[in-house]
Amino acid sequence: MVKIDTEDWIQGFFGTTLSIVVVITICCAIFQTSLFGLASVFPDDLGIMVAVMGGQGCGGIFASVVNLVTLAVMDSPTSAAFVFFLLATIFTVAALYLYAKIMPSNELYKKYVLDISDR
């Protein structure tokens, strides 16, 4: 929506933006709860929970660096926001694909997660 002229409907744009933020926050809460729940299924000696926490930290650093790079390289903040959104969308789709296609064939996933769901 960064490329849309919203000067004529500022109140509607504000309401739409807040609604989208609420939905995204709910989805993030569900995702984080699911991620930590899935990581807790694995044994402690594998260090999966440590990897999840480290991955979340690296994800935050990566997002901050990409934001700074897009703001420095792009000529306008609107273009930088659009590119930043596209990158986030690409990474989200790639993560969903990898989770749906690669994870079920992983031996650890089969052993610890699928065995639990069969009980």
PDB file of N, CA and C in Angstrom:
ATOM      1  N   MET A   1       0.811  -1.200   0.000  1.00  0.00           N
ATOM      2  CA  MET A   1       0.000   0.000   0.000  1.00  0.00           C
ATOM      3  C   MET A   1       0.852   1.260   0.000  1.00  0.00           C
ATOM      4  N   VAL A   2       2.184   1.101  -0.049  1.00  0.00           N
ATOM      5  CA  VAL A   2       3.032   2.286  -0.047  1.00  0.00           C
ATOM      6  C   VAL A   2       2.959   3.049  -1.367  1.00  0.00           C
ATOM      7  N   LYS A   3       2.514   2.413  -2.425  1.00  0.00           N
ATOM      8  CA  LYS A   3       2.430   3.064  -3.733  1.00  0.00           C
ATOM      9  C   LYS A   3       1.061   3.686  -3.997  1.00  0.00           C
ATOM     10  N   ILE A   4       0.108   3.535  -3.055  1.00  0.00           N
ATOM     11  CA  ILE A   4      -1.251   4.056  -3.239  1.00  0.00           C
ATOM     12  C   ILE A   4      -1.355   5.451  -2.633  1.00  0.00           C
ATOM     13  N   ASP A   5      -1.974   6.364  -3.381  1.00  0.00           N
ATOM     14  CA  ASP A   5      -2.206   7.709  -2.869  1.00  0.00           C
ATOM     15  C   ASP A   5      -3.398   7.665  -1.910  1.00  0.00           C
ATOM     16  N   THR A   6      -3.147   7.935  -0.634  1.00  0.00           N
ATOM     17  CA  THR A   6      -4.190   7.824   0.392  1.00  0.00           C
ATOM     18  C   THR A   6      -4.599   9.171   0.969  1.00  0.00           C
ATOM     19  N   GLU A   7      -4.263  10.229   0.273  1.00  0.00           N
ATOM     20  CA  GLU A   7      -4.540  11.559   0.811  1.00  0.00           C
ATOM     21  C   GLU A   7      -6.032  11.840   0.938  1.00  0.00           C
ATOM     22  N   ASP A   8      -6.839  11.252   0.078  1.00  0.00           N
ATOM     23  CA  ASP A   8      -8.282  11.499   0.112  1.00  0.00           C
ATOM     24  C   ASP A   8      -9.014  10.677   1.172  1.00  0.00           C
ATOM     25  N   TRP A   9      -8.436   9.609   1.635  1.00  0.00           N
ATOM     26  CA  TRP A   9      -9.105   8.727   2.602  1.00  0.00           C
ATOM     27  C   TRP A   9      -8.168   8.340   3.747  1.00  0.00           C
ATOM     28  N   ILE A  10      -7.648   9.351   4.414  1.00  0.00           N
ATOM     29  CA  ILE A  10      -6.683   9.157   5.500  1.00  0.00           C
ATOM     30  C   ILE A  10      -7.289   8.356   6.649  1.00  0.00           C
ATOM     31  N   GLN A  11      -8.515   8.663   7.051  1.00  0.00           N
ATOM     32  CA  GLN A  11      -9.157   7.931   8.160  1.00  0.00           C
ATOM     33  C   GLN A  11      -9.343   6.452   7.808  1.00  0.00           C
ATOM     34  N   GLY A  12      -9.799   6.175   6.599  1.00  0.00           N
ATOM     35  CA  GLY A  12      -9.974   4.792   6.162  1.00  0.00           C
ATOM     36  C   GLY A  12      -8.653   4.051   6.080  1.00  0.00           C
ATOM     37  N   PHE A  13      -7.629   4.754   5.590  1.00  0.00           N
ATOM     38  CA  PHE A  13      -6.299   4.147   5.519  1.00  0.00           C
ATOM     39  C   PHE A  13      -5.775   3.830   6.912  1.00  0.00           C
ATOM     40  N   PHE A  14      -5.991   4.739   7.846  1.00  0.00           N
ATOM     41  CA  PHE A  14      -5.549   4.520   9.221  1.00  0.00           C
ATOM     42  C   PHE A  14      -6.253   3.302   9.826  1.00  0.00           C
ATOM     43  N   GLY A  15      -7.566   3.212   9.635  1.00  0.00           N
ATOM     44  CA  GLY A  15      -8.325   2.063  10.146  1.00  0.00           C
ATOM     45  C   GLY A  15      -7.888   0.759   9.500  1.00  0.00           C
ATOM     46  N   THR A  16      -7.661   0.789   8.189  1.00  0.00           N
ATOM     47  CA  THR A  16      -7.183  -0.401   7.479  1.00  0.00           C
ATOM     48  C   THR A  16      -5.811  -0.828   7.983  1.00  0.00           C
ATOM     49  N   THR A  17      -4.923   0.140   8.167  1.00  0.00           N
ATOM     50  CA  THR A  17      -3.586  -0.165   8.662  1.00  0.00           C
ATOM     51  C   THR A  17      -3.638  -0.777  10.057  1.00  0.00           C
ATOM     52  N   LEU A  18      -4.437  -0.207  10.937  1.00  0.00           N
ATOM     53  CA  LEU A  18      -4.551  -0.771  12.286  1.00  0.00           C
ATOM     54  C   LEU A  18      -5.133  -2.179  12.259  1.00  0.00           C
ATOM     55  N   SER A  19      -6.119  -2.405  11.402  1.00  0.00           N
ATOM     56  CA  SER A  19      -6.701  -3.745  11.284  1.00  0.00           C
ATOM     57  C   SER A  19      -5.671  -4.760  10.798  1.00  0.00           C
ATOM     58  N   ILE A  20      -4.887  -4.373   9.809  1.00  0.00           N
ATOM     59  CA  ILE A  20      -3.849  -5.259   9.286  1.00  0.00           C
ATOM     60  C   ILE A  20      -2.803  -5.541  10.362  1.00  0.00           C
ATOM     61  N   VAL A  21      -2.425  -4.536  11.129  1.00  0.00           N
ATOM     62  CA  VAL A  21      -1.447  -4.721  12.202  1.00  0.00           C
ATOM     63  C   VAL A  21      -1.975  -5.690  13.254  1.00  0.00           C
ATOM     64  N   VAL A  22      -3.256  -5.587  13.590  1.00  0.00           N
ATOM     65  CA  VAL A  22      -3.849  -6.506  14.563  1.00  0.00           C
ATOM     66  C   VAL A  22      -3.798  -7.939  14.040  1.00  0.00           C
ATOM     67  N   VAL A  23      -4.168  -8.133  12.782  1.00  0.00           N
ATOM     68  CA  VAL A  23      -4.147  -9.483  12.197  1.00  0.00           C
ATOM     69  C   VAL A  23      -2.728 -10.037  12.155  1.00  0.00           C
ATOM     70  N   ILE A  24      -1.763  -9.220  11.749  1.00  0.00           N
ATOM     71  CA  ILE A  24      -0.370  -9.669  11.689  1.00  0.00           C
ATOM     72  C   ILE A  24       0.145 -10.011  13.083  1.00  0.00           C
ATOM     73  N   THR A  25      -0.214  -9.229  14.081  1.00  0.00           N
ATOM     74  CA  THR A  25       0.221  -9.510  15.449  1.00  0.00           C
ATOM     75  C   THR A  25      -0.358 -10.821  15.946  1.00  0.00           C
ATOM     76  N   ILE A  26      -1.624 -11.075  15.650  1.00  0.00           N
ATOM     77  CA  ILE A  26      -2.234 -12.352  16.036  1.00  0.00           C
ATOM     78  C   ILE A  26      -1.518 -13.512  15.348  1.00  0.00           C
ATOM     79  N   CYS A  27      -1.243 -13.369  14.066  1.00  0.00           N
ATOM     80  CA  CYS A  27      -0.533 -14.426  13.333  1.00  0.00           C
ATOM     81  C   CYS A  27       0.871 -14.645  13.884  1.00  0.00           C
ATOM     82  N   CYS A  28       1.566 -13.581  14.242  1.00  0.00           N
ATOM     83  CA  CYS A  28       2.902 -13.717  14.832  1.00  0.00           C
ATOM     84  C   CYS A  28       2.850 -14.427  16.177  1.00  0.00           C
ATOM     85  N   ALA A  29       1.842 -14.130  16.982  1.00  0.00           N
ATOM     86  CA  ALA A  29       1.704 -14.795  18.275  1.00  0.00           C
ATOM     87  C   ALA A  29       1.451 -16.286  18.089  1.00  0.00           C
ATOM     88  N   ILE A  30       0.593 -16.636  17.143  1.00  0.00           N
ATOM     89  CA  ILE A  30       0.324 -18.053  16.857  1.00  0.00           C
ATOM     90  C   ILE A  30       1.591 -18.732  16.340  1.00  0.00           C
ATOM     91  N   PHE A  31       2.305 -18.058  15.444  1.00  0.00           N
ATOM     92  CA  PHE A  31       3.540 -18.620  14.900  1.00  0.00           C
ATOM     93  C   PHE A  31       4.579 -18.862  15.988  1.00  0.00           C
ATOM     94  N   GLN A  32       4.812 -17.869  16.840  1.00  0.00           N
ATOM     95  CA  GLN A  32       5.814 -18.029  17.894  1.00  0.00           C
ATOM     96  C   GLN A  32       5.426 -19.115  18.881  1.00  0.00           C
ATOM     97  N   THR A  33       4.169 -19.185  19.245  1.00  0.00           N
ATOM     98  CA  THR A  33       3.719 -20.231  20.157  1.00  0.00           C
ATOM     99  C   THR A  33       3.896 -21.602  19.521  1.00  0.00           C
ATOM    100  N   SER A  34       3.555 -21.725  18.261  1.00  0.00           N
ATOM    101  CA  SER A  34       3.725 -22.996  17.555  1.00  0.00           C
ATOM    102  C   SER A  34       5.195 -23.369  17.436  1.00  0.00           C
ATOM    103  N   LEU A  35       6.022 -22.388  17.135  1.00  0.00           N
ATOM    104  CA  LEU A  35       7.453 -22.645  16.984  1.00  0.00           C
ATOM    105  C   LEU A  35       8.073 -23.119  18.290  1.00  0.00           C
ATOM    106  N   PHE A  36       7.769 -22.436  19.385  1.00  0.00           N
ATOM    107  CA  PHE A  36       8.323 -22.851  20.672  1.00  0.00           C
ATOM    108  C   PHE A  36       7.732 -24.176  21.132  1.00  0.00           C
ATOM    109  N   GLY A  37       6.461 -24.418  20.825  1.00  0.00           N
ATOM    110  CA  GLY A  37       5.856 -25.707  21.163  1.00  0.00           C
ATOM    111  C   GLY A  37       6.500 -26.842  20.391  1.00  0.00           C
ATOM    112  N   LEU A  38       6.766 -26.615  19.107  1.00  0.00           N
ATOM    113  CA  LEU A  38       7.430 -27.629  18.293  1.00  0.00           C
ATOM    114  C   LEU A  38       8.857 -27.861  18.763  1.00  0.00           C
ATOM    115  N   ALA A  39       9.566 -26.793  19.103  1.00  0.00           N
ATOM    116  CA  ALA A  39      10.948 -26.939  19.577  1.00  0.00           C
ATOM    117  C   ALA A  39      11.008 -27.652  20.923  1.00  0.00           C
ATOM    118  N   SER A  40       9.963 -27.516  21.735  1.00  0.00           N
ATOM    119  CA  SER A  40       9.978 -28.161  23.051  1.00  0.00           C
ATOM    120  C   SER A  40       9.757 -29.668  22.970  1.00  0.00           C
ATOM    121  N   VAL A  41       9.295 -30.162  21.830  1.00  0.00           N
ATOM    122  CA  VAL A  41       9.079 -31.600  21.653  1.00  0.00           C
ATOM    123  C   VAL A  41      10.409 -32.346  21.567  1.00  0.00           C
ATOM    124  N   PHE A  42      11.421 -31.697  21.037  1.00  0.00           N
ATOM    125  CA  PHE A  42      12.720 -32.340  20.844  1.00  0.00           C
ATOM    126  C   PHE A  42      13.481 -32.423  22.170  1.00  0.00           C
ATOM    127  N   PRO A  43      14.372 -33.412  22.307  1.00  0.00           N
ATOM    128  CA  PRO A  43      15.160 -33.542  23.539  1.00  0.00           C
ATOM    129  C   PRO A  43      16.088 -32.338  23.761  1.00  0.00           C
ATOM    130  N   ASP A  44      16.388 -32.065  25.031  1.00  0.00           N
ATOM    131  CA  ASP A  44      17.224 -30.907  25.366  1.00  0.00           C
ATOM    132  C   ASP A  44      18.642 -31.031  24.834  1.00  0.00           C
ATOM    133  N   ASP A  45      19.154 -32.249  24.733  1.00  0.00           N
ATOM    134  CA  ASP A  45      20.549 -32.409  24.314  1.00  0.00           C
ATOM    135  C   ASP A  45      20.784 -32.053  22.846  1.00  0.00           C
ATOM    136  N   LEU A  46      19.719 -31.922  22.057  1.00  0.00           N
ATOM    137  CA  LEU A  46      19.872 -31.513  20.661  1.00  0.00           C
ATOM    138  C   LEU A  46      20.054 -30.006  20.518  1.00  0.00           C
ATOM    139  N   GLY A  47      19.649 -29.239  21.511  1.00  0.00           N
ATOM    140  CA  GLY A  47      19.821 -27.787  21.483  1.00  0.00           C
ATOM    141  C   GLY A  47      18.901 -27.079  20.501  1.00  0.00           C
ATOM    142  N   ILE A  48      17.736 -27.649  20.252  1.00  0.00           N
ATOM    143  CA  ILE A  48      16.813 -27.040  19.293  1.00  0.00           C
ATOM    144  C   ILE A  48      16.278 -25.712  19.817  1.00  0.00           C
ATOM    145  N   MET A  49      15.957 -25.652  21.101  1.00  0.00           N
ATOM    146  CA  MET A  49      15.423 -24.410  21.667  1.00  0.00           C
ATOM    147  C   MET A  49      16.459 -23.285  21.594  1.00  0.00           C
ATOM    148  N   VAL A  50      17.723 -23.622  21.818  1.00  0.00           N
ATOM    149  CA  VAL A  50      18.797 -22.631  21.707  1.00  0.00           C
ATOM    150  C   VAL A  50      18.893 -22.131  20.260  1.00  0.00           C
ATOM    151  N   ALA A  51      18.748 -23.047  19.307  1.00  0.00           N
ATOM    152  CA  ALA A  51      18.808 -22.659  17.895  1.00  0.00           C
ATOM    153  C   ALA A  51      17.629 -21.763  17.525  1.00  0.00           C
ATOM    154  N   VAL A  52      16.451 -22.061  18.068  1.00  0.00           N
ATOM    155  CA  VAL A  52      15.273 -21.235  17.784  1.00  0.00           C
ATOM    156  C   VAL A  52      15.477 -19.821  18.334  1.00  0.00           C
ATOM    157  N   MET A  53      15.954 -19.726  19.559  1.00  0.00           N
ATOM    158  CA  MET A  53      16.184 -18.402  20.154  1.00  0.00           C
ATOM    159  C   MET A  53      17.260 -17.634  19.389  1.00  0.00           C
ATOM    160  N   GLY A  54      18.330 -18.326  19.016  1.00  0.00           N
ATOM    161  CA  GLY A  54      19.384 -17.684  18.230  1.00  0.00           C
ATOM    162  C   GLY A  54      18.888 -17.248  16.863  1.00  0.00           C
ATOM    163  N   GLY A  55      18.038 -18.069  16.258  1.00  0.00           N
ATOM    164  CA  GLY A  55      17.462 -17.724  14.954  1.00  0.00           C
ATOM    165  C   GLY A  55      16.571 -16.503  15.025  1.00  0.00           C
ATOM    166  N   GLN A  56      15.822 -16.381  16.130  1.00  0.00           N
ATOM    167  CA  GLN A  56      14.980 -15.197  16.280  1.00  0.00           C
ATOM    168  C   GLN A  56      15.839 -13.933  16.427  1.00  0.00           C
ATOM    169  N   GLY A  57      16.912 -14.045  17.162  1.00  0.00           N
ATOM    170  CA  GLY A  57      17.816 -12.901  17.309  1.00  0.00           C
ATOM    171  C   GLY A  57      18.468 -12.523  15.988  1.00  0.00           C
ATOM    172  N   CYS A  58      18.936 -13.536  15.241  1.00  0.00           N
ATOM    173  CA  CYS A  58      19.545 -13.269  13.935  1.00  0.00           C
ATOM    174  C   CYS A  58      18.535 -12.691  12.956  1.00  0.00           C
ATOM    175  N   GLY A  59      17.288 -13.152  13.046  1.00  0.00           N
ATOM    176  CA  GLY A  59      16.245 -12.608  12.179  1.00  0.00           C
ATOM    177  C   GLY A  59      16.010 -11.127  12.438  1.00  0.00           C
ATOM    178  N   GLY A  60      16.031 -10.733  13.703  1.00  0.00           N
ATOM    179  CA  GLY A  60      15.868  -9.322  14.045  1.00  0.00           C
ATOM    180  C   GLY A  60      17.023  -8.476  13.546  1.00  0.00           C
ATOM    181  N   ILE A  61      18.237  -8.996  13.699  1.00  0.00           N
ATOM    182  CA  ILE A  61      19.416  -8.270  13.208  1.00  0.00           C
ATOM    183  C   ILE A  61      19.373  -8.167  11.687  1.00  0.00           C
ATOM    184  N   PHE A  62      19.010  -9.273  11.023  1.00  0.00           N
ATOM    185  CA  PHE A  62      18.928  -9.277   9.560  1.00  0.00           C
ATOM    186  C   PHE A  62      17.907  -8.254   9.061  1.00  0.00           C
ATOM    187  N   ALA A  63      16.748  -8.209   9.698  1.00  0.00           N
ATOM    188  CA  ALA A  63      15.713  -7.247   9.298  1.00  0.00           C
ATOM    189  C   ALA A  63      16.197  -5.812   9.476  1.00  0.00           C
ATOM    190  N   SER A  64      16.897  -5.544  10.561  1.00  0.00           N
ATOM    191  CA  SER A  64      17.406  -4.189  10.799  1.00  0.00           C
ATOM    192  C   SER A  64      18.453  -3.794   9.762  1.00  0.00           C
ATOM    193  N   VAL A  65      19.351  -4.714   9.445  1.00  0.00           N
ATOM    194  CA  VAL A  65      20.404  -4.409   8.469  1.00  0.00           C
ATOM    195  C   VAL A  65      19.801  -4.205   7.084  1.00  0.00           C
ATOM    196  N   VAL A  66      18.866  -5.071   6.688  1.00  0.00           N
ATOM    197  CA  VAL A  66      18.232  -4.916   5.377  1.00  0.00           C
ATOM    198  C   VAL A  66      17.463  -3.599   5.298  1.00  0.00           C
ATOM    199  N   ASN A  67      16.819  -3.214   6.381  1.00  0.00           N
ATOM    200  CA  ASN A  67      16.113  -1.938   6.408  1.00  0.00           C
ATOM    201  C   ASN A  67      17.086  -0.779   6.199  1.00  0.00           C
ATOM    202  N   LEU A  68      18.196  -0.804   6.879  1.00  0.00           N
ATOM    203  CA  LEU A  68      19.193   0.260   6.715  1.00  0.00           C
ATOM    204  C   LEU A  68      19.768   0.279   5.302  1.00  0.00           C
ATOM    205  N   VAL A  69      20.037  -0.893   4.740  1.00  0.00           N
ATOM    206  CA  VAL A  69      20.594  -0.964   3.389  1.00  0.00           C
ATOM    207  C   VAL A  69      19.592  -0.448   2.363  1.00  0.00           C
ATOM    208  N   THR A  70      18.318  -0.858   2.480  1.00  0.00           N
ATOM    209  CA  THR A  70      17.332  -0.383   1.509  1.00  0.00           C
ATOM    210  C   THR A  70      17.117   1.122   1.622  1.00  0.00           C
ATOM    211  N   LEU A  71      17.152   1.658   2.834  1.00  0.00           N
ATOM    212  CA  LEU A  71      17.022   3.116   2.987  1.00  0.00           C
ATOM    213  C   LEU A  71      18.227   3.850   2.410  1.00  0.00           C
ATOM    214  N   ALA A  72      19.421   3.250   2.522  1.00  0.00           N
ATOM    215  CA  ALA A  72      20.628   3.897   2.012  1.00  0.00           C
ATOM    216  C   ALA A  72      20.718   3.807   0.490  1.00  0.00           C
ATOM    217  N   VAL A  73      20.272   2.704  -0.076  1.00  0.00           N
ATOM    218  CA  VAL A  73      20.426   2.480  -1.511  1.00  0.00           C
ATOM    219  C   VAL A  73      19.299   3.109  -2.325  1.00  0.00           C
ATOM    220  N   MET A  74      18.090   3.041  -1.822  1.00  0.00           N
ATOM    221  CA  MET A  74      16.934   3.538  -2.576  1.00  0.00           C
ATOM    222  C   MET A  74      16.867   5.060  -2.520  1.00  0.00           C
ATOM    223  N   ASP A  75      16.272   5.622  -3.560  1.00  0.00           N
ATOM    224  CA  ASP A  75      16.190   7.076  -3.635  1.00  0.00           C
ATOM    225  C   ASP A  75      15.049   7.658  -2.809  1.00  0.00           C
ATOM    226  N   SER A  76      14.030   6.848  -2.509  1.00  0.00           N
ATOM    227  CA  SER A  76      12.927   7.363  -1.695  1.00  0.00           C
ATOM    228  C   SER A  76      12.545   6.335  -0.628  1.00  0.00           C
ATOM    229  N   PRO A  77      12.064   6.793   0.515  1.00  0.00           N
ATOM    230  CA  PRO A  77      11.621   5.863   1.565  1.00  0.00           C
ATOM    231  C   PRO A  77      10.454   4.975   1.114  1.00  0.00           C
ATOM    232  N   THR A  78       9.632   5.471   0.191  1.00  0.00           N
ATOM    233  CA  THR A  78       8.517   4.677  -0.317  1.00  0.00           C
ATOM    234  C   THR A  78       9.033   3.461  -1.090  1.00  0.00           C
ATOM    235  N   SER A  79      10.015   3.661  -1.945  1.00  0.00           N
ATOM    236  CA  SER A  79      10.605   2.545  -2.689  1.00  0.00           C
ATOM    237  C   SER A  79      11.308   1.575  -1.758  1.00  0.00           C
ATOM    238  N   ALA A  80      11.990   2.099  -0.751  1.00  0.00           N
ATOM    239  CA  ALA A  80      12.671   1.242   0.225  1.00  0.00           C
ATOM    240  C   ALA A  80      11.660   0.392   0.990  1.00  0.00           C
ATOM    241  N   ALA A  81      10.537   0.984   1.374  1.00  0.00           N
ATOM    242  CA  ALA A  81       9.510   0.226   2.084  1.00  0.00           C
ATOM    243  C   ALA A  81       8.917  -0.858   1.196  1.00  0.00           C
ATOM    244  N   PHE A  82       8.729  -0.553  -0.081  1.00  0.00           N
ATOM    245  CA  PHE A  82       8.189  -1.539  -1.013  1.00  0.00           C
ATOM    246  C   PHE A  82       9.144  -2.713  -1.191  1.00  0.00           C
ATOM    247  N   VAL A  83      10.430  -2.439  -1.373  1.00  0.00           N
ATOM    248  CA  VAL A  83      11.433  -3.503  -1.520  1.00  0.00           C
ATOM    249  C   VAL A  83      11.533  -4.311  -0.231  1.00  0.00           C
ATOM    250  N   PHE A  84      11.503  -3.639   0.900  1.00  0.00           N
ATOM    251  CA  PHE A  84      11.567  -4.329   2.190  1.00  0.00           C
ATOM    252  C   PHE A  84      10.371  -5.262   2.353  1.00  0.00           C
ATOM    253  N   PHE A  85       9.189  -4.828   1.950  1.00  0.00           N
ATOM    254  CA  PHE A  85       7.999  -5.670   2.002  1.00  0.00           C
ATOM    255  C   PHE A  85       8.136  -6.871   1.079  1.00  0.00           C
ATOM    256  N   LEU A  86       8.646  -6.656  -0.143  1.00  0.00           N
ATOM    257  CA  LEU A  86       8.831  -7.764  -1.075  1.00  0.00           C
ATOM    258  C   LEU A  86       9.807  -8.797  -0.522  1.00  0.00           C
ATOM    259  N   LEU A  87      10.897  -8.336   0.084  1.00  0.00           N
ATOM    260  CA  LEU A  87      11.858  -9.269   0.677  1.00  0.00           C
ATOM    261  C   LEU A  87      11.235 -10.070   1.811  1.00  0.00           C
ATOM    262  N   ALA A  88      10.453  -9.416   2.639  1.00  0.00           N
ATOM    263  CA  ALA A  88       9.786 -10.122   3.731  1.00  0.00           C
ATOM    264  C   ALA A  88       8.801 -11.154   3.191  1.00  0.00           C
ATOM    265  N   THR A  89       8.087 -10.812   2.131  1.00  0.00           N
ATOM    266  CA  THR A  89       7.139 -11.747   1.530  1.00  0.00           C
ATOM    267  C   THR A  89       7.864 -12.943   0.925  1.00  0.00           C
ATOM    268  N   ILE A  90       8.961 -12.709   0.241  1.00  0.00           N
ATOM    269  CA  ILE A  90       9.741 -13.798  -0.362  1.00  0.00           C
ATOM    270  C   ILE A  90      10.265 -14.739   0.712  1.00  0.00           C
ATOM    271  N   PHE A  91      10.810 -14.196   1.794  1.00  0.00           N
ATOM    272  CA  PHE A  91      11.336 -15.041   2.870  1.00  0.00           C
ATOM    273  C   PHE A  91      10.220 -15.818   3.563  1.00  0.00           C
ATOM    274  N   THR A  92       9.059 -15.210   3.724  1.00  0.00           N
ATOM    275  CA  THR A  92       7.934 -15.905   4.356  1.00  0.00           C
ATOM    276  C   THR A  92       7.456 -17.067   3.499  1.00  0.00           C
ATOM    277  N   VAL A  93       7.307 -16.837   2.200  1.00  0.00           N
ATOM    278  CA  VAL A  93       6.870 -17.906   1.294  1.00  0.00           C
ATOM    279  C   VAL A  93       7.917 -19.020   1.247  1.00  0.00           C
ATOM    280  N   ALA A  94       9.191 -18.658   1.218  1.00  0.00           N
ATOM    281  CA  ALA A  94      10.249 -19.681   1.206  1.00  0.00           C
ATOM    282  C   ALA A  94      10.231 -20.502   2.492  1.00  0.00           C
ATOM    283  N   ALA A  95      10.038 -19.854   3.627  1.00  0.00           N
ATOM    284  CA  ALA A  95       9.998 -20.585   4.902  1.00  0.00           C
ATOM    285  C   ALA A  95       8.799 -21.522   4.968  1.00  0.00           C
ATOM    286  N   LEU A  96       7.647 -21.070   4.513  1.00  0.00           N
ATOM    287  CA  LEU A  96       6.461 -21.927   4.489  1.00  0.00           C
ATOM    288  C   LEU A  96       6.659 -23.121   3.561  1.00  0.00           C
ATOM    289  N   TYR A  97       7.257 -22.893   2.407  1.00  0.00           N
ATOM    290  CA  TYR A  97       7.532 -23.984   1.471  1.00  0.00           C
ATOM    291  C   TYR A  97       8.478 -25.007   2.089  1.00  0.00           C
ATOM    292  N   LEU A  98       9.566 -24.511   2.671  1.00  0.00           N
ATOM    293  CA  LEU A  98      10.532 -25.427   3.276  1.00  0.00           C
ATOM    294  C   LEU A  98       9.920 -26.214   4.420  1.00  0.00           C
ATOM    295  N   TYR A  99       9.087 -25.569   5.217  1.00  0.00           N
ATOM    296  CA  TYR A  99       8.447 -26.270   6.327  1.00  0.00           C
ATOM    297  C   TYR A  99       7.494 -27.338   5.814  1.00  0.00           C
ATOM    298  N   ALA A 100       6.736 -27.024   4.784  1.00  0.00           N
ATOM    299  CA  ALA A 100       5.744 -27.974   4.267  1.00  0.00           C
ATOM    300  C   ALA A 100       6.366 -29.111   3.464  1.00  0.00           C
ATOM    301  N   LYS A 101       7.434 -28.847   2.745  1.00  0.00           N
ATOM    302  CA  LYS A 101       8.013 -29.856   1.852  1.00  0.00           C
ATOM    303  C   LYS A 101       9.224 -30.580   2.443  1.00  0.00           C
ATOM    304  N   ILE A 102      10.088 -29.867   3.132  1.00  0.00           N
ATOM    305  CA  ILE A 102      11.337 -30.450   3.600  1.00  0.00           C
ATOM    306  C   ILE A 102      11.209 -31.048   4.995  1.00  0.00           C
ATOM    307  N   MET A 103      10.510 -30.379   5.883  1.00  0.00           N
ATOM    308  CA  MET A 103      10.433 -30.816   7.281  1.00  0.00           C
ATOM    309  C   MET A 103       9.853 -32.216   7.460  1.00  0.00           C
ATOM    310  N   PRO A 104       8.765 -32.584   6.783  1.00  0.00           N
ATOM    311  CA  PRO A 104       8.229 -33.935   6.995  1.00  0.00           C
ATOM    312  C   PRO A 104       9.182 -35.064   6.602  1.00  0.00           C
ATOM    313  N   SER A 105      10.147 -34.797   5.747  1.00  0.00           N
ATOM    314  CA  SER A 105      11.102 -35.834   5.365  1.00  0.00           C
ATOM    315  C   SER A 105      12.336 -35.868   6.275  1.00  0.00           C
ATOM    316  N   ASN A 106      12.446 -34.934   7.200  1.00  0.00           N
ATOM    317  CA  ASN A 106      13.567 -34.880   8.131  1.00  0.00           C
ATOM    318  C   ASN A 106      13.426 -36.002   9.161  1.00  0.00           C
ATOM    319  N   GLU A 107      14.523 -36.705   9.423  1.00  0.00           N
ATOM    320  CA  GLU A 107      14.489 -37.850  10.339  1.00  0.00           C
ATOM    321  C   GLU A 107      14.123 -37.451  11.763  1.00  0.00           C
ATOM    322  N   LEU A 108      14.665 -36.324  12.254  1.00  0.00           N
ATOM    323  CA  LEU A 108      14.320 -35.883  13.608  1.00  0.00           C
ATOM    324  C   LEU A 108      12.836 -35.549  13.718  1.00  0.00           C
ATOM    325  N   TYR A 109      12.306 -34.912  12.705  1.00  0.00           N
ATOM    326  CA  TYR A 109      10.881 -34.558  12.692  1.00  0.00           C
ATOM    327  C   TYR A 109      10.028 -35.821  12.709  1.00  0.00           C
ATOM    328  N   LYS A 110      10.408 -36.794  11.899  1.00  0.00           N
ATOM    329  CA  LYS A 110       9.661 -38.056  11.866  1.00  0.00           C
ATOM    330  C   LYS A 110       9.706 -38.751  13.225  1.00  0.00           C
ATOM    331  N   LYS A 111      10.883 -38.760  13.831  1.00  0.00           N
ATOM    332  CA  LYS A 111      11.061 -39.502  15.079  1.00  0.00           C
ATOM    333  C   LYS A 111      10.337 -38.859  16.253  1.00  0.00           C
ATOM    334  N   TYR A 112      10.481 -37.539  16.418  1.00  0.00           N
ATOM    335  CA  TYR A 112       9.969 -36.884  17.623  1.00  0.00           C
ATOM    336  C   TYR A 112       8.587 -36.265  17.448  1.00  0.00           C
ATOM    337  N   VAL A 113       8.271 -35.750  16.284  1.00  0.00           N
ATOM    338  CA  VAL A 113       6.994 -35.050  16.125  1.00  0.00           C
ATOM    339  C   VAL A 113       5.916 -35.990  15.586  1.00  0.00           C
ATOM    340  N   LEU A 114       6.212 -36.696  14.530  1.00  0.00           N
ATOM    341  CA  LEU A 114       5.196 -37.572  13.946  1.00  0.00           C
ATOM    342  C   LEU A 114       4.874 -38.738  14.860  1.00  0.00           C
ATOM    343  N   ASP A 115       5.857 -39.249  15.620  1.00  0.00           N
ATOM    344  CA  ASP A 115       5.583 -40.332  16.571  1.00  0.00           C
ATOM    345  C   ASP A 115       4.647 -39.878  17.674  1.00  0.00           C
ATOM    346  N   ILE A 116       4.781 -38.624  18.107  1.00  0.00           N
ATOM    347  CA  ILE A 116       3.918 -38.095  19.158  1.00  0.00           C
ATOM    348  C   ILE A 116       2.491 -37.920  18.648  1.00  0.00           C
ATOM    349  N   SER A 117       2.354 -37.472  17.393  1.00  0.00           N
ATOM    350  CA  SER A 117       1.010 -37.243  16.860  1.00  0.00           C
ATOM    351  C   SER A 117       0.290 -38.564  16.561  1.00  0.00           C
ATOM    352  N   ASP A 118       1.028 -39.670  16.402  1.00  0.00           N
ATOM    353  CA  ASP A 118       0.400 -40.966  16.168  1.00  0.00           C
ATOM    354  C   ASP A 118      -0.165 -41.578  17.430  1.00  0.00           C
ATOM    355  N   ARG A 119       0.239 -41.099  18.594  1.00  0.00           N
ATOM    356  CA  ARG A 119      -0.205 -41.681  19.856  1.00  0.00           C
ATOM    357  C   ARG A 119      -1.621 -41.343  20.175  1.00  0.00           C
TER     358      ARG A 119
END
